[in-house]
Amino acid sequence: CPIGWAGKPNRIGIEHLIADETINHFFVENHLIEGSHSEQLYNDGQWWKVDWNEGKKYVNRGWHSVHEPHLVNSDGTGLGRVAVFGRDPRVCEQVWSGSIGYPADGVYMEFHKQWGEKRGLRYWKVTGKNVDLGEKHLYQPDETEHHLHQHAQHFAKMVHDRINEYHHKTGRHAHVVATFDAELFGHWWFEGPRFLRDVIMTLNADPDVELKCTDQMLEDNPPDKVVSMPEGSWGEEGDHRVWTNDKVNWMWDIEYRCEANFGKATTDLPWRTNPQIEDLLKKAGRELFLLQASDWQFIITRGQAIDYGIKRFMQHVSRFETLLALSEKLAEDTEYLGKLNEVEKFEVEDAGIHDIIFNEIELDWWKM
């Protein structure tokens, strides 16, 4: 929630946290750019405050367009310290859409049908969008090359056309940003890396298109507009319904409780002078991060692996609560770790051998 908006709590925008970590840009869905408010404009060598309707008055200046980067500052005051790029929906859907996306082509490898429960060997092709798994035809690698070439050419032409259309309409430099989960290429879409190869080679040979990293894009064409963006997400309908609904709201009550308890523990317990307490709290902090992962609500809401999502979530909650309780007991009795029963010993060891990530945790992050 932006600072100072009526009826909203005073919480800074995420872009401030990103900027504090020296990250100078990030990516969002198109609706967040298109629904943004104009705040400031760079003109004649200086920045000028503008009203929220500036973008509607001067549509050819690049306001609300995914084809230009914007500085973002959700509190509406001062210049943004971080830039935002919006995904081009028409380009991205060519790969991402379940109905028209390239990976749904019948010649490509079928991800969901495997031989052997643990082997995961895939011998079948998509065959057709509505073909049952039992009716899938055998995968023929030689069939894919022609389709990959066609799809890469189609994608590259769309990028070319989008850039030219925007430039002819506004007279301004245009970019196209197409972002995807890395696991799509090679994992979900087996032929994906070859598709990327062909796309890059084709675009690289296009005299009207220049391939750049986003850092270079910002350096060559610095944003000349500051916007404030609405709250939103990359999820269904662009809001939070995937993560907050009747199926998963019970999880948030647990998360808020764990978060509050951990904040209190890092404030009250003597972890700065007791390495054992510090170690337990850092492990508890790791479990807190893991139980707060958005994946659990996502897969439960989507019905993809409901039991797995609940199991993983509650597993991390249990470890967190155990580690936090032990750190509190250790604060009362410095010899407590030597008195652990077998169950407690197992739980401490279990937390030390699973999900060994986030080793850089600092307990000062939870200062209250």
Protein backbone atom coordinates (compact mmCIF):
# COMPACT_ATOMS: atom_id res chain seq x y z
CA CYS A 1 0.00 0.00 0.00
CA PRO A 2 1.46 3.39 -0.93
CA ILE A 3 2.33 5.84 1.80
CA GLY A 4 -0.42 8.20 2.87
CA TRP A 5 -3.30 6.99 0.71
CA ALA A 6 -6.57 7.52 2.59
CA GLY A 7 -7.72 4.48 4.50
CA LYS A 8 -4.51 2.55 3.81
CA PRO A 9 -1.78 1.66 6.31
CA ASN A 10 1.50 3.52 5.94
CA ARG A 11 3.65 0.93 4.19
CA ILE A 12 6.27 1.86 1.64
CA GLY A 13 6.07 0.56 -1.90
CA ILE A 14 8.08 -2.52 -2.78
CA GLU A 15 10.14 -0.47 -5.22
CA HIS A 16 11.80 1.30 -2.26
CA LEU A 17 12.90 -2.03 -0.80
CA ILE A 18 14.23 -3.09 -4.20
CA ALA A 19 16.18 0.15 -4.59
CA ASP A 20 17.69 -0.25 -1.11
CA GLU A 21 19.22 -3.51 -2.34
CA THR A 22 20.85 -1.66 -5.29
CA ILE A 23 18.51 -3.29 -7.82
CA ASN A 24 17.76 -0.69 -10.48
CA HIS A 25 14.85 -2.29 -12.34
CA PHE A 26 12.22 -5.02 -12.23
CA PHE A 27 9.44 -6.47 -14.39
CA VAL A 28 5.65 -6.42 -14.07
CA GLU A 29 2.58 -7.52 -15.97
CA ASN A 30 1.20 -5.08 -18.52
CA HIS A 31 -1.91 -4.16 -16.52
CA LEU A 32 0.21 -2.55 -13.80
CA ILE A 33 1.83 -0.24 -16.36
CA GLU A 34 -1.41 0.43 -18.20
CA GLY A 35 -3.21 1.20 -14.93
CA SER A 36 -0.48 3.43 -13.50
CA HIS A 37 -0.82 7.11 -12.60
CA SER A 38 1.41 9.75 -14.17
CA GLU A 39 3.47 11.56 -11.53
CA GLN A 40 6.44 13.38 -13.08
CA LEU A 41 7.83 14.13 -16.53
CA TYR A 42 11.34 15.05 -17.63
CA ASN A 43 11.26 17.94 -20.10
CA ASP A 44 13.58 20.83 -21.00
CA GLY A 45 16.32 19.53 -18.74
CA GLN A 46 14.30 19.15 -15.55
CA TRP A 47 11.58 17.09 -13.89
CA TRP A 48 8.05 18.49 -13.67
CA LYS A 49 5.19 17.36 -11.45
CA VAL A 50 2.16 16.38 -13.54
CA ASP A 51 -1.37 15.30 -12.70
CA TRP A 52 -2.67 11.77 -12.89
CA ASN A 53 -4.40 12.45 -16.22
CA GLU A 54 -1.21 13.48 -18.02
CA GLY A 55 -0.99 10.08 -19.67
CA LYS A 56 -4.52 10.36 -21.05
CA LYS A 57 -3.87 13.82 -22.45
CA TYR A 58 -0.60 12.94 -24.17
CA VAL A 59 -0.94 9.33 -25.26
CA ASN A 60 1.96 9.53 -27.71
CA ARG A 61 4.42 10.49 -24.96
CA GLY A 62 4.73 6.85 -23.89
CA TRP A 63 2.66 6.93 -20.72
CA HIS A 64 1.11 3.56 -19.78
CA SER A 65 3.04 1.75 -22.52
CA VAL A 66 4.92 -1.51 -22.08
CA HIS A 67 7.22 -0.34 -24.88
CA GLU A 68 9.06 2.14 -22.67
CA PRO A 69 10.60 1.87 -19.20
CA HIS A 70 9.18 4.05 -16.43
CA LEU A 71 10.59 5.14 -13.11
CA VAL A 72 8.24 4.13 -10.33
CA ASN A 73 7.50 5.76 -6.99
CA SER A 74 4.25 4.67 -5.39
CA ASP A 75 4.15 7.42 -2.75
CA GLY A 76 3.82 10.01 -5.52
CA THR A 77 6.60 12.24 -4.22
CA GLY A 78 10.14 12.60 -5.48
CA LEU A 79 11.80 10.76 -8.31
CA GLY A 80 11.68 7.02 -8.59
CA ARG A 81 14.93 5.26 -7.77
CA VAL A 82 14.10 2.14 -9.73
CA ALA A 83 12.74 1.52 -13.23
CA VAL A 84 10.01 -0.88 -14.26
CA PHE A 85 9.57 -2.83 -17.51
CA GLY A 86 6.18 -4.18 -18.54
CA ARG A 87 5.70 -7.49 -20.33
CA ASP A 88 4.32 -7.26 -23.83
CA PRO A 89 1.14 -9.39 -23.59
CA ARG A 90 0.71 -10.03 -27.32
CA VAL A 91 4.26 -11.29 -27.69
CA CYS A 92 4.30 -13.30 -24.47
CA GLU A 93 1.05 -15.12 -25.15
CA GLN A 94 2.61 -16.66 -28.26
CA VAL A 95 4.66 -18.82 -25.91
CA TRP A 96 2.70 -18.79 -22.68
CA SER A 97 -0.92 -19.23 -23.75
CA GLY A 98 -2.35 -22.70 -23.25
CA SER A 99 -4.62 -22.28 -26.27
CA ILE A 100 -2.48 -20.52 -28.91
CA GLY A 101 1.02 -20.95 -27.48
CA TYR A 102 3.68 -22.70 -29.55
CA PRO A 103 4.33 -25.47 -26.95
CA ALA A 104 0.80 -26.79 -27.60
CA ASP A 105 1.74 -27.75 -31.17
CA GLY A 106 1.05 -31.44 -31.71
CA VAL A 107 4.59 -32.39 -32.78
CA TYR A 108 6.29 -31.26 -29.57
CA MET A 109 7.07 -33.60 -26.68
CA GLU A 110 4.23 -34.29 -24.26
CA PHE A 111 5.31 -33.31 -20.76
CA HIS A 112 2.58 -35.02 -18.74
CA LYS A 113 2.86 -38.57 -20.08
CA GLN A 114 5.83 -40.53 -18.76
CA TRP A 115 7.01 -44.10 -18.81
CA GLY A 116 7.94 -45.40 -15.38
CA GLU A 117 6.82 -43.66 -12.21
CA LYS A 118 10.37 -42.72 -11.17
CA ARG A 119 12.18 -42.82 -14.50
CA GLY A 120 10.23 -39.96 -16.04
CA LEU A 121 10.97 -41.02 -19.62
CA ARG A 122 8.83 -39.28 -22.24
CA TYR A 123 8.23 -41.03 -25.55
CA TRP A 124 5.08 -39.24 -26.72
CA LYS A 125 4.15 -36.01 -28.45
CA VAL A 126 1.35 -33.55 -27.69
CA THR A 127 -0.56 -34.94 -30.71
CA GLY A 128 -3.47 -32.51 -30.16
CA LYS A 129 -4.80 -30.11 -27.55
CA ASN A 130 -7.77 -32.25 -26.55
CA VAL A 131 -6.19 -35.67 -27.02
CA ASP A 132 -6.36 -37.91 -23.95
CA LEU A 133 -3.02 -39.08 -22.53
CA GLY A 134 -3.84 -42.64 -23.52
CA GLU A 135 -4.23 -41.62 -27.15
CA LYS A 136 -0.93 -39.74 -27.53
CA HIS A 137 1.22 -40.70 -30.54
CA LEU A 138 4.92 -41.51 -30.35
CA TYR A 139 7.29 -38.55 -30.43
CA GLN A 140 9.14 -38.05 -33.71
CA PRO A 141 12.13 -35.68 -33.18
CA ASP A 142 12.59 -35.07 -36.91
CA GLU A 143 9.13 -33.53 -37.12
CA THR A 144 9.96 -30.71 -34.72
CA GLU A 145 12.67 -28.83 -36.64
CA HIS A 146 10.37 -27.35 -39.27
CA HIS A 147 7.79 -26.31 -36.68
CA LEU A 148 10.46 -24.73 -34.49
CA HIS A 149 11.71 -22.71 -37.43
CA GLN A 150 8.20 -21.53 -38.28
CA HIS A 151 7.43 -20.57 -34.71
CA ALA A 152 10.73 -18.75 -34.25
CA GLN A 153 10.16 -16.80 -37.47
CA HIS A 154 6.62 -15.92 -36.40
CA PHE A 155 7.79 -14.76 -32.98
CA ALA A 156 10.64 -12.68 -34.40
CA LYS A 157 8.33 -11.03 -36.94
CA MET A 158 5.88 -10.13 -34.19
CA VAL A 159 8.66 -8.49 -32.18
CA HIS A 160 9.78 -6.60 -35.30
CA ASP A 161 6.24 -5.45 -36.05
CA ARG A 162 5.51 -4.35 -32.47
CA ILE A 163 8.63 -2.18 -32.41
CA ASN A 164 7.89 -0.60 -35.79
CA GLU A 165 4.21 -0.01 -35.00
CA TYR A 166 5.05 1.86 -31.81
CA HIS A 167 7.77 3.92 -33.46
CA HIS A 168 5.55 4.92 -36.38
CA LYS A 169 2.70 5.81 -34.01
CA THR A 170 4.69 7.89 -31.51
CA GLY A 171 8.03 8.66 -33.14
CA ARG A 172 9.69 7.29 -30.02
CA HIS A 173 12.15 4.48 -29.42
CA ALA A 174 10.41 1.21 -28.56
CA HIS A 175 11.44 -1.95 -26.78
CA VAL A 176 9.72 -5.30 -26.41
CA VAL A 177 10.11 -7.24 -23.18
CA ALA A 178 9.08 -10.90 -23.17
CA THR A 179 9.72 -12.54 -19.80
CA PHE A 180 9.09 -16.18 -18.92
CA ASP A 181 9.89 -18.65 -16.17
CA ALA A 182 13.26 -20.18 -17.03
CA GLU A 183 11.93 -23.67 -16.36
CA LEU A 184 9.55 -23.35 -19.30
CA PHE A 185 12.44 -23.83 -21.72
CA GLY A 186 13.70 -27.39 -21.64
CA HIS A 187 11.54 -28.56 -18.74
CA TRP A 188 7.89 -27.93 -19.59
CA TRP A 189 8.69 -27.28 -23.23
CA PHE A 190 11.43 -29.71 -24.22
CA GLU A 191 12.19 -27.97 -27.51
CA GLY A 192 12.20 -24.52 -25.88
CA PRO A 193 15.99 -23.93 -25.85
CA ARG A 194 16.15 -24.60 -29.60
CA PHE A 195 13.29 -22.18 -30.12
CA LEU A 196 15.22 -19.51 -28.20
CA ARG A 197 18.29 -20.20 -30.30
CA ASP A 198 16.38 -19.66 -33.54
CA VAL A 199 14.63 -16.54 -32.23
CA ILE A 200 17.90 -14.94 -31.10
CA MET A 201 19.64 -15.74 -34.39
CA THR A 202 16.73 -14.35 -36.40
CA LEU A 203 16.40 -11.13 -34.40
CA ASN A 204 20.16 -10.65 -34.41
CA ALA A 205 20.07 -10.63 -38.22
CA ASP A 206 17.24 -8.07 -38.33
CA PRO A 207 18.66 -4.57 -39.08
CA ASP A 208 15.62 -2.93 -37.43
CA VAL A 209 15.98 -4.80 -34.13
CA GLU A 210 18.74 -4.63 -31.56
CA LEU A 211 19.07 -7.25 -28.82
CA LYS A 212 20.02 -5.72 -25.48
CA CYS A 213 20.14 -6.51 -21.79
CA THR A 214 17.77 -4.34 -19.78
CA ASP A 215 20.64 -2.54 -18.04
CA GLN A 216 21.90 -1.44 -21.44
CA MET A 217 18.41 -0.37 -22.47
CA LEU A 218 18.17 1.91 -19.43
CA GLU A 219 21.58 3.38 -20.15
CA ASP A 220 20.80 4.07 -23.81
CA ASN A 221 17.24 5.31 -23.24
CA PRO A 222 16.80 6.58 -19.66
CA PRO A 223 13.17 6.78 -18.50
CA ASP A 224 11.67 10.26 -18.78
CA LYS A 225 8.52 9.53 -16.78
CA VAL A 226 7.69 8.66 -13.16
CA VAL A 227 4.54 6.69 -12.39
CA SER A 228 2.81 5.23 -9.36
CA MET A 229 1.41 1.75 -9.92
CA PRO A 230 -1.66 0.05 -8.46
CA GLU A 231 -1.34 -3.05 -6.35
CA GLY A 232 -1.39 -6.21 -8.41
CA SER A 233 0.27 -9.48 -9.34
CA TRP A 234 1.09 -11.78 -12.24
CA GLY A 235 -1.69 -14.13 -11.14
CA GLU A 236 -5.17 -14.76 -12.49
CA GLU A 237 -7.06 -11.51 -13.18
CA GLY A 238 -3.97 -9.56 -12.11
CA ASP A 239 -4.90 -9.50 -8.42
CA HIS A 240 -4.35 -11.75 -5.39
CA ARG A 241 -7.28 -14.15 -5.74
CA VAL A 242 -4.96 -17.10 -6.38
CA TRP A 243 -3.33 -16.58 -2.98
CA THR A 244 -6.26 -15.26 -0.91
CA ASN A 245 -9.47 -17.25 -1.16
CA ASP A 246 -11.59 -19.64 0.88
CA LYS A 247 -9.31 -22.57 0.08
CA VAL A 248 -6.17 -21.00 1.56
CA ASN A 249 -7.18 -18.17 3.92
CA TRP A 250 -6.56 -20.46 6.93
CA MET A 251 -2.88 -20.49 5.98
CA TRP A 252 -2.59 -16.73 6.34
CA ASP A 253 -3.73 -16.85 9.97
CA ILE A 254 -0.87 -19.24 10.67
CA GLU A 255 1.64 -17.17 8.71
CA TYR A 256 0.76 -13.96 10.53
CA ARG A 257 1.04 -15.71 13.89
CA CYS A 258 4.43 -17.20 13.04
CA GLU A 259 5.68 -13.86 11.72
CA ALA A 260 4.62 -12.01 14.88
CA ASN A 261 6.08 -14.66 17.19
CA PHE A 262 9.39 -14.61 15.36
CA GLY A 263 9.60 -10.82 15.45
CA LYS A 264 9.03 -10.93 19.20
CA ALA A 265 11.61 -13.69 19.69
CA THR A 266 14.34 -11.87 17.77
CA THR A 267 13.63 -8.80 19.88
CA ASP A 268 13.40 -10.44 23.31
CA LEU A 269 15.77 -13.43 23.26
CA PRO A 270 19.52 -13.01 23.99
CA TRP A 271 20.75 -14.38 20.66
CA ARG A 272 23.51 -11.79 20.38
CA THR A 273 25.29 -13.27 23.40
CA ASN A 274 24.26 -16.91 22.99
CA PRO A 275 25.41 -18.61 19.74
CA GLN A 276 23.16 -21.61 20.36
CA ILE A 277 20.06 -19.45 20.52
CA GLU A 278 21.24 -17.57 17.44
CA ASP A 279 21.65 -20.85 15.53
CA LEU A 280 18.17 -22.06 16.48
CA LEU A 281 16.59 -18.74 15.55
CA LYS A 282 18.34 -18.66 12.18
CA LYS A 283 17.03 -22.14 11.43
CA ALA A 284 13.57 -21.00 12.53
CA GLY A 285 13.91 -17.98 10.25
CA ARG A 286 14.68 -20.29 7.35
CA GLU A 287 11.54 -22.30 8.06
CA LEU A 288 9.57 -19.04 8.28
CA PHE A 289 10.76 -18.07 4.80
CA LEU A 290 9.83 -21.50 3.47
CA LEU A 291 6.35 -21.59 5.00
CA GLN A 292 5.74 -18.11 3.55
CA ALA A 293 6.48 -19.28 -0.01
CA SER A 294 3.62 -18.37 -2.34
CA ASP A 295 3.87 -21.78 -4.03
CA TRP A 296 1.74 -23.52 -1.40
CA GLN A 297 -1.34 -21.32 -1.91
CA PHE A 298 -0.81 -21.39 -5.67
CA ILE A 299 -0.84 -25.15 -6.10
CA ILE A 300 -3.71 -25.60 -3.63
CA THR A 301 -5.87 -23.01 -5.39
CA ARG A 302 -5.07 -24.46 -8.81
CA GLY A 303 -5.84 -27.98 -7.58
CA GLN A 304 -2.52 -29.24 -8.94
CA ALA A 305 -1.17 -30.93 -5.79
CA ILE A 306 -3.41 -30.01 -2.88
CA ASP A 307 -2.17 -32.67 -0.45
CA TYR A 308 1.46 -31.90 -1.26
CA GLY A 309 0.95 -28.16 -0.76
CA ILE A 310 -0.71 -28.63 2.62
CA LYS A 311 1.90 -31.19 3.71
CA ARG A 312 4.87 -28.98 2.84
CA PHE A 313 3.32 -25.91 4.43
CA MET A 314 2.50 -27.67 7.71
CA GLN A 315 5.91 -29.36 7.74
CA HIS A 316 7.65 -25.99 7.74
CA VAL A 317 5.21 -24.63 10.32
CA SER A 318 5.97 -27.57 12.62
CA ARG A 319 9.73 -27.15 12.29
CA PHE A 320 9.43 -23.42 12.86
CA GLU A 321 7.37 -23.80 16.02
CA THR A 322 9.70 -26.49 17.38
CA LEU A 323 12.84 -24.42 16.81
CA LEU A 324 11.25 -21.30 18.26
CA ALA A 325 10.06 -23.15 21.36
CA LEU A 326 13.53 -24.64 21.90
CA SER A 327 15.19 -21.23 21.59
CA GLU A 328 12.82 -19.86 24.24
CA LYS A 329 13.56 -22.78 26.58
CA LEU A 330 17.28 -22.33 26.01
CA ALA A 331 16.98 -18.68 27.02
CA GLU A 332 15.53 -19.82 30.35
CA ASP A 333 17.95 -22.71 30.83
CA THR A 334 21.35 -22.47 29.09
CA GLU A 335 21.85 -26.22 29.58
CA TYR A 336 18.57 -27.19 27.95
CA LEU A 337 20.08 -28.55 24.73
CA GLY A 338 21.78 -31.23 26.79
CA LYS A 339 18.41 -32.32 28.16
CA LEU A 340 16.53 -32.81 24.90
CA ASN A 341 14.34 -35.88 24.64
CA GLU A 342 14.59 -38.14 21.59
CA VAL A 343 11.75 -36.42 19.75
CA GLU A 344 13.30 -32.97 20.24
CA LYS A 345 16.71 -34.24 19.14
CA PHE A 346 15.19 -35.67 15.97
CA GLU A 347 13.36 -32.43 15.19
CA VAL A 348 16.52 -30.34 15.59
CA GLU A 349 18.52 -32.74 13.40
CA ASP A 350 15.69 -32.85 10.85
CA ALA A 351 15.73 -29.06 10.52
CA GLY A 352 19.47 -29.19 9.91
CA ILE A 353 19.46 -31.65 7.03
CA HIS A 354 16.46 -30.57 4.92
CA ASP A 355 16.06 -27.47 2.76
CA ILE A 356 19.52 -26.10 3.57
CA ILE A 357 19.14 -22.67 2.01
CA PHE A 358 19.13 -19.04 3.15
CA ASN A 359 22.42 -19.40 5.01
CA GLU A 360 22.89 -15.61 4.90
CA ILE A 361 19.98 -14.90 7.27
CA GLU A 362 20.57 -12.02 9.69
CA LEU A 363 18.27 -11.82 12.68
CA ASP A 364 18.44 -8.03 12.67
CA TRP A 365 16.14 -8.16 9.65
CA TRP A 366 13.25 -8.73 12.06
CA LYS A 367 13.81 -5.68 14.24
CA MET A 368 10.44 -4.53 15.57
